[in-house]
Amino acid sequence: MPARDVRPPAELLGELLSLDAISPASRAVLALHFHEELALAEIAAILELPLGTVKSRLAYGLSAIRKHLSKKRSDP
C-alpha cells in the first residue's frame, strides 16, 4: 500500500491545481470551490457563467485530478 500524503490540504490543493492537464477555466472553478469554499451558484455569478458550465468545468477538473492520482498510485 502506498504511503499517504501527509502534506497540509492547502499545499496539496495547490499542487493539484498546478497540473498541466487542468485547463485554466477548470482551475478557476476548482480554486473558487475548494480553496475559497464558494458554492457553485456563487461561482457562476462571479464568473458570469451559466451554472451548467461551472458544473462541467468542475467535473473536467476533478476528472483530471483523479487520472493524475490514479497514475501516481500505479507508478512504482
Protein backbone atom coordinates (compact mmCIF):
# COMPACT_ATOMS: atom_id res chain seq x y z
CA MET A 1 0.00 0.00 0.00
CA PRO A 2 1.46 3.41 -0.96
CA ALA A 3 2.25 5.91 1.76
CA ARG A 4 -0.40 8.52 2.46
CA ASP A 5 0.33 12.10 1.55
CA VAL A 6 0.55 14.00 4.85
CA ARG A 7 1.04 17.49 3.47
CA PRO A 8 -1.37 20.22 4.56
CA PRO A 9 -4.53 20.28 2.42
CA ALA A 10 -3.78 23.77 1.07
CA GLU A 11 -0.36 22.67 -0.16
CA LEU A 12 -1.76 19.53 -1.79
CA LEU A 13 -4.57 21.55 -3.39
CA GLY A 14 -2.01 23.97 -4.77
CA GLU A 15 -0.04 21.14 -6.33
CA LEU A 16 -3.14 19.58 -7.86
CA LEU A 17 -4.31 22.90 -9.28
CA SER A 18 -0.94 23.38 -10.97
CA LEU A 19 -1.35 20.24 -13.11
CA ASP A 20 -0.96 20.93 -16.82
CA ALA A 21 -3.91 18.60 -17.52
CA ILE A 22 -6.31 21.06 -15.87
CA SER A 23 -7.46 23.89 -18.11
CA PRO A 24 -7.30 27.43 -16.73
CA ALA A 25 -11.11 27.55 -16.85
CA SER A 26 -11.44 24.39 -14.73
CA ARG A 27 -8.62 25.54 -12.46
CA ALA A 28 -10.51 28.75 -11.65
CA VAL A 29 -13.67 26.85 -10.73
CA LEU A 30 -11.75 24.30 -8.63
CA ALA A 31 -9.89 27.04 -6.76
CA LEU A 32 -13.03 29.02 -6.03
CA HIS A 33 -14.94 25.93 -4.93
CA PHE A 34 -12.31 24.14 -2.85
CA HIS A 35 -9.95 26.90 -1.73
CA GLU A 36 -12.43 29.76 -1.31
CA GLU A 37 -15.25 27.34 -0.36
CA LEU A 38 -17.80 29.01 -2.61
CA ALA A 39 -20.99 27.32 -3.77
CA LEU A 40 -21.31 26.59 -7.47
CA ALA A 41 -24.08 29.16 -7.86
CA GLU A 42 -21.81 31.82 -6.32
CA ILE A 43 -19.01 30.84 -8.71
CA ALA A 44 -21.39 31.10 -11.65
CA ALA A 45 -22.34 34.61 -10.57
CA ILE A 46 -18.74 35.71 -10.02
CA LEU A 47 -17.51 34.32 -13.35
CA GLU A 48 -20.71 35.37 -15.14
CA LEU A 49 -21.24 31.85 -16.49
CA PRO A 50 -24.24 29.54 -16.63
CA LEU A 51 -24.41 27.13 -13.70
CA GLY A 52 -24.16 24.17 -16.10
CA THR A 53 -20.84 25.48 -17.44
CA VAL A 54 -19.46 25.80 -13.92
CA LYS A 55 -20.56 22.23 -13.13
CA SER A 56 -18.91 20.95 -16.33
CA ARG A 57 -15.65 22.73 -15.59
CA LEU A 58 -15.66 21.31 -12.07
CA ALA A 59 -16.28 17.81 -13.42
CA TYR A 60 -13.50 18.09 -16.01
CA GLY A 61 -11.06 19.38 -13.41
CA LEU A 62 -11.91 16.64 -10.92
CA SER A 63 -11.55 14.04 -13.67
CA ALA A 64 -8.05 15.30 -14.48
CA ILE A 65 -7.10 15.17 -10.80
CA ARG A 66 -8.45 11.60 -10.46
CA LYS A 67 -6.44 10.49 -13.51
CA HIS A 68 -3.30 12.09 -12.08
CA LEU A 69 -3.77 10.46 -8.68
CA SER A 70 -4.52 7.01 -10.10
CA LYS A 71 -1.43 7.23 -12.30
CA LYS A 72 0.64 8.38 -9.34
CA ARG A 73 -0.55 5.38 -7.27
CA SER A 74 0.32 2.91 -10.01
CA ASP A 75 3.84 4.31 -10.53
CA PRO A 76 6.50 2.29 -8.71
